[in-house]
């Protein structure tokens, strides 16, 4: 599954994101950023206690990073600043 997820992330073709070469296992509580929604509320998309495939990749020419999170059904690419500030969803989709 990990190799397939790497392929799926790379197929997204995000312009300023380097090629994904590896994913690591990590707890949801480590990557579960809050994302603002149009109503003004914030939501978390992952279970804090579950383990996911994750990685962080620097955004080319920027101080921001891309955060990658995936499980057996969904994948997420988000962009954020220092310590997860101003998190924005780039892609959230069902992949499997």
N, C-alpha and C. Protein backbone atom coordinates (compact mmCIF):
# COMPACT_ATOMS: atom_id res chain seq x y z
N UNK A 1 0.82 -1.19 0.00
CA UNK A 1 0.00 0.00 0.00
C UNK A 1 0.88 1.26 0.00
N UNK A 2 1.97 1.23 0.74
CA UNK A 2 2.83 2.41 0.83
C UNK A 2 3.37 2.80 -0.54
N UNK A 3 3.81 1.84 -1.32
CA UNK A 3 4.34 2.13 -2.66
C UNK A 3 3.24 2.69 -3.57
N UNK A 4 2.04 2.15 -3.46
CA UNK A 4 0.92 2.65 -4.27
C UNK A 4 0.58 4.09 -3.87
N UNK A 5 0.60 4.39 -2.59
CA UNK A 5 0.33 5.75 -2.13
C UNK A 5 1.37 6.73 -2.65
N UNK A 6 2.62 6.34 -2.66
CA UNK A 6 3.67 7.21 -3.20
C UNK A 6 3.36 7.54 -4.66
N UNK A 7 2.96 6.54 -5.43
CA UNK A 7 2.57 6.76 -6.83
C UNK A 7 1.38 7.70 -6.93
N UNK A 8 0.38 7.50 -6.07
CA UNK A 8 -0.82 8.35 -6.09
C UNK A 8 -0.48 9.80 -5.78
N UNK A 9 0.35 10.04 -4.78
CA UNK A 9 0.75 11.41 -4.46
C UNK A 9 1.49 12.04 -5.64
N UNK A 10 2.39 11.30 -6.28
CA UNK A 10 3.14 11.84 -7.41
C UNK A 10 2.27 12.10 -8.63
N UNK A 11 1.22 11.31 -8.81
CA UNK A 11 0.31 11.52 -9.95
C UNK A 11 -0.50 12.80 -9.82
N UNK A 12 -0.57 13.37 -8.64
CA UNK A 12 -1.35 14.61 -8.44
C UNK A 12 -0.78 15.78 -9.24
N UNK A 13 0.51 15.76 -9.49
CA UNK A 13 1.13 16.80 -10.31
C UNK A 13 1.09 18.19 -9.70
N UNK A 14 1.27 18.30 -8.41
CA UNK A 14 1.28 19.60 -7.74
C UNK A 14 2.58 20.32 -8.10
N UNK A 15 2.46 21.50 -8.70
CA UNK A 15 3.57 22.20 -9.35
C UNK A 15 4.80 22.42 -8.46
N UNK A 16 4.64 22.90 -7.25
CA UNK A 16 5.77 23.25 -6.39
C UNK A 16 6.14 22.16 -5.39
N UNK A 17 5.63 20.94 -5.61
CA UNK A 17 5.90 19.86 -4.67
C UNK A 17 6.91 18.90 -5.29
N UNK A 18 8.02 18.67 -4.58
CA UNK A 18 9.01 17.71 -5.04
C UNK A 18 8.40 16.32 -5.13
N UNK A 19 9.06 15.46 -5.86
CA UNK A 19 8.62 14.08 -5.99
C UNK A 19 8.60 13.42 -4.61
N UNK A 20 7.54 12.68 -4.33
CA UNK A 20 7.44 11.94 -3.08
C UNK A 20 8.23 10.65 -3.24
N UNK A 21 9.19 10.44 -2.36
CA UNK A 21 10.04 9.25 -2.44
C UNK A 21 9.80 8.29 -1.30
N UNK A 22 9.25 8.80 -0.20
CA UNK A 22 8.99 7.93 0.93
C UNK A 22 7.85 8.46 1.78
N UNK A 23 7.24 7.55 2.49
CA UNK A 23 6.22 7.87 3.48
C UNK A 23 6.61 7.17 4.77
N UNK A 24 6.23 7.76 5.88
CA UNK A 24 6.55 7.23 7.19
C UNK A 24 5.25 6.97 7.93
N UNK A 25 5.29 6.13 8.92
CA UNK A 25 4.12 5.91 9.76
C UNK A 25 4.12 6.93 10.89
N UNK A 26 2.95 7.50 11.15
CA UNK A 26 2.83 8.48 12.22
C UNK A 26 1.43 8.53 12.77
N UNK A 27 1.33 8.92 14.02
CA UNK A 27 0.03 9.03 14.70
C UNK A 27 -0.79 10.21 14.18
N UNK A 28 -2.07 10.03 14.13
CA UNK A 28 -2.98 11.08 13.70
C UNK A 28 -2.85 12.34 14.52
N UNK A 29 -2.60 12.21 15.81
CA UNK A 29 -2.47 13.38 16.67
C UNK A 29 -1.31 14.28 16.25
N UNK A 30 -0.32 13.71 15.58
CA UNK A 30 0.85 14.46 15.12
C UNK A 30 0.53 15.29 13.87
N UNK A 31 -0.39 14.81 13.04
CA UNK A 31 -0.67 15.46 11.75
C UNK A 31 -2.08 16.02 11.63
N UNK A 32 -2.85 15.93 12.66
CA UNK A 32 -4.26 16.30 12.57
C UNK A 32 -4.48 17.80 12.76
N UNK A 33 -4.12 18.57 11.73
CA UNK A 33 -4.29 20.02 11.77
C UNK A 33 -5.76 20.40 11.67
N UNK A 34 -6.08 21.58 12.14
CA UNK A 34 -7.44 22.10 11.99
C UNK A 34 -7.51 22.93 10.72
N UNK A 35 -8.56 22.68 9.94
CA UNK A 35 -8.76 23.41 8.70
C UNK A 35 -10.03 24.25 8.79
N UNK A 36 -9.94 25.53 8.42
CA UNK A 36 -11.13 26.38 8.45
C UNK A 36 -12.09 26.00 7.32
N UNK A 37 -13.38 26.06 7.61
CA UNK A 37 -14.40 25.82 6.59
C UNK A 37 -15.21 27.10 6.43
N UNK A 38 -15.95 27.24 5.33
CA UNK A 38 -16.65 28.50 5.04
C UNK A 38 -17.57 29.02 6.15
N UNK A 39 -18.09 28.14 6.99
CA UNK A 39 -18.98 28.59 8.06
C UNK A 39 -18.23 29.32 9.17
N UNK A 40 -16.89 29.29 9.11
CA UNK A 40 -16.10 29.92 10.15
C UNK A 40 -15.60 28.94 11.20
N UNK A 41 -16.11 27.72 11.18
CA UNK A 41 -15.65 26.70 12.10
C UNK A 41 -14.37 26.07 11.56
N UNK A 42 -13.73 25.26 12.39
CA UNK A 42 -12.56 24.50 11.98
C UNK A 42 -12.85 23.02 12.17
N UNK A 43 -12.28 22.19 11.29
CA UNK A 43 -12.48 20.75 11.39
C UNK A 43 -11.15 20.03 11.33
N UNK A 44 -11.13 18.86 11.95
CA UNK A 44 -10.00 17.94 11.84
C UNK A 44 -10.49 16.76 11.01
N UNK A 45 -9.62 16.23 10.15
CA UNK A 45 -10.03 15.19 9.23
C UNK A 45 -9.61 13.78 9.63
N UNK A 46 -8.71 13.65 10.58
CA UNK A 46 -8.14 12.35 10.91
C UNK A 46 -8.42 11.97 12.36
N UNK A 47 -8.27 10.71 12.67
CA UNK A 47 -8.44 10.18 14.02
C UNK A 47 -7.10 10.31 14.75
N UNK A 48 -7.08 11.01 15.86
CA UNK A 48 -5.84 11.24 16.61
C UNK A 48 -5.14 9.94 17.02
N UNK A 49 -5.89 8.86 17.19
CA UNK A 49 -5.31 7.62 17.71
C UNK A 49 -4.93 6.62 16.63
N UNK A 50 -5.23 6.90 15.40
CA UNK A 50 -4.93 5.99 14.30
C UNK A 50 -3.54 6.29 13.72
N UNK A 51 -2.90 5.29 13.12
CA UNK A 51 -1.61 5.47 12.46
C UNK A 51 -1.84 5.66 10.97
N UNK A 52 -1.13 6.63 10.37
CA UNK A 52 -1.26 6.97 8.95
C UNK A 52 0.11 6.97 8.29
N UNK A 53 0.09 6.98 6.96
CA UNK A 53 1.31 7.21 6.20
C UNK A 53 1.44 8.72 6.02
N UNK A 54 2.61 9.27 6.36
CA UNK A 54 2.78 10.72 6.37
C UNK A 54 4.14 11.13 5.79
N UNK A 55 4.22 12.40 5.43
CA UNK A 55 5.50 13.01 5.07
C UNK A 55 5.30 14.52 5.06
N UNK A 56 6.39 15.24 5.16
CA UNK A 56 6.40 16.70 5.03
C UNK A 56 7.42 17.05 3.97
N UNK A 57 7.02 17.87 3.00
CA UNK A 57 7.90 18.25 1.91
C UNK A 57 7.89 19.77 1.80
N UNK A 58 9.08 20.35 1.72
CA UNK A 58 9.17 21.81 1.59
C UNK A 58 8.60 22.25 0.24
N UNK A 59 7.89 23.37 0.27
CA UNK A 59 7.35 23.94 -0.96
C UNK A 59 8.46 24.73 -1.64
N UNK A 60 8.72 24.45 -2.89
CA UNK A 60 9.81 25.10 -3.63
C UNK A 60 9.63 26.61 -3.62
N UNK A 61 10.71 27.33 -3.28
CA UNK A 61 10.69 28.80 -3.31
C UNK A 61 9.83 29.44 -2.24
N UNK A 62 9.58 28.74 -1.13
CA UNK A 62 8.68 29.25 -0.11
C UNK A 62 9.15 28.82 1.28
N UNK A 63 8.62 29.47 2.30
CA UNK A 63 8.89 29.04 3.68
C UNK A 63 7.80 28.07 4.16
N UNK A 64 6.84 27.79 3.30
CA UNK A 64 5.75 26.88 3.64
C UNK A 64 6.10 25.44 3.26
N UNK A 65 5.33 24.50 3.80
CA UNK A 65 5.54 23.08 3.54
C UNK A 65 4.25 22.43 3.07
N UNK A 66 4.41 21.29 2.41
CA UNK A 66 3.29 20.43 2.09
C UNK A 66 3.27 19.30 3.11
N UNK A 67 2.11 19.02 3.64
CA UNK A 67 1.93 17.89 4.53
C UNK A 67 1.14 16.82 3.80
N UNK A 68 1.62 15.59 3.83
CA UNK A 68 0.96 14.48 3.18
C UNK A 68 0.49 13.49 4.23
N UNK A 69 -0.77 13.07 4.13
CA UNK A 69 -1.34 12.11 5.06
C UNK A 69 -2.23 11.17 4.25
N UNK A 70 -2.17 9.88 4.55
CA UNK A 70 -3.01 8.92 3.84
C UNK A 70 -3.29 7.69 4.69
N UNK A 71 -4.40 7.06 4.37
CA UNK A 71 -4.73 5.77 4.95
C UNK A 71 -5.21 4.87 3.82
N UNK A 72 -5.91 3.82 4.15
CA UNK A 72 -6.33 2.86 3.12
C UNK A 72 -7.42 3.40 2.20
N UNK A 73 -8.04 4.52 2.53
CA UNK A 73 -9.12 5.06 1.69
C UNK A 73 -8.87 6.47 1.17
N UNK A 74 -8.25 7.33 1.95
CA UNK A 74 -8.15 8.74 1.60
C UNK A 74 -6.71 9.23 1.61
N UNK A 75 -6.48 10.28 0.82
CA UNK A 75 -5.20 10.96 0.89
C UNK A 75 -5.42 12.46 0.94
N UNK A 76 -4.50 13.14 1.60
CA UNK A 76 -4.57 14.58 1.80
C UNK A 76 -3.21 15.20 1.50
N UNK A 77 -3.25 16.30 0.78
CA UNK A 77 -2.09 17.17 0.66
C UNK A 77 -2.54 18.52 1.16
N UNK A 78 -1.86 19.05 2.15
CA UNK A 78 -2.18 20.38 2.65
C UNK A 78 -0.91 21.22 2.60
N UNK A 79 -1.10 22.51 2.72
CA UNK A 79 0.02 23.45 2.75
C UNK A 79 -0.10 24.23 4.04
N UNK A 80 1.04 24.50 4.69
CA UNK A 80 1.00 25.22 5.96
C UNK A 80 2.31 25.92 6.22
N UNK A 81 2.26 26.84 7.18
CA UNK A 81 3.45 27.57 7.60
C UNK A 81 4.08 26.94 8.82
N UNK A 82 4.89 27.71 9.51
CA UNK A 82 5.62 27.24 10.70
C UNK A 82 4.64 26.69 11.74
N UNK A 83 4.96 25.52 12.27
CA UNK A 83 4.16 24.86 13.29
C UNK A 83 2.71 24.63 12.87
N UNK A 84 2.47 24.44 11.56
CA UNK A 84 1.13 24.15 11.06
C UNK A 84 0.23 25.36 10.89
N UNK A 85 0.80 26.55 10.97
CA UNK A 85 -0.01 27.79 10.88
C UNK A 85 -0.63 27.94 9.50
N UNK A 86 -1.83 28.50 9.47
CA UNK A 86 -2.54 28.84 8.24
C UNK A 86 -2.65 27.64 7.30
N UNK A 87 -3.09 26.52 7.82
CA UNK A 87 -3.20 25.30 7.02
C UNK A 87 -4.30 25.43 5.97
N UNK A 88 -3.99 24.98 4.75
CA UNK A 88 -4.94 24.99 3.63
C UNK A 88 -4.95 23.63 2.98
N UNK A 89 -6.13 23.12 2.65
CA UNK A 89 -6.24 21.86 1.93
C UNK A 89 -5.97 22.10 0.46
N UNK A 90 -5.04 21.34 -0.10
CA UNK A 90 -4.74 21.39 -1.53
C UNK A 90 -5.51 20.29 -2.24
N UNK A 91 -5.42 19.06 -1.72
CA UNK A 91 -6.15 17.91 -2.26
C UNK A 91 -6.60 17.04 -1.11
N UNK A 92 -7.86 16.65 -1.11
CA UNK A 92 -8.37 15.64 -0.19
C UNK A 92 -9.29 14.77 -1.02
N UNK A 93 -8.90 13.50 -1.20
CA UNK A 93 -9.70 12.66 -2.08
C UNK A 93 -9.63 11.20 -1.68
N UNK A 94 -10.62 10.47 -2.13
CA UNK A 94 -10.62 9.03 -1.99
C UNK A 94 -9.71 8.48 -3.08
N UNK A 95 -8.80 7.62 -2.70
CA UNK A 95 -7.88 7.07 -3.68
C UNK A 95 -8.09 5.58 -3.91
N UNK A 96 -8.75 4.91 -3.01
CA UNK A 96 -8.88 3.46 -3.10
C UNK A 96 -10.30 3.04 -2.79
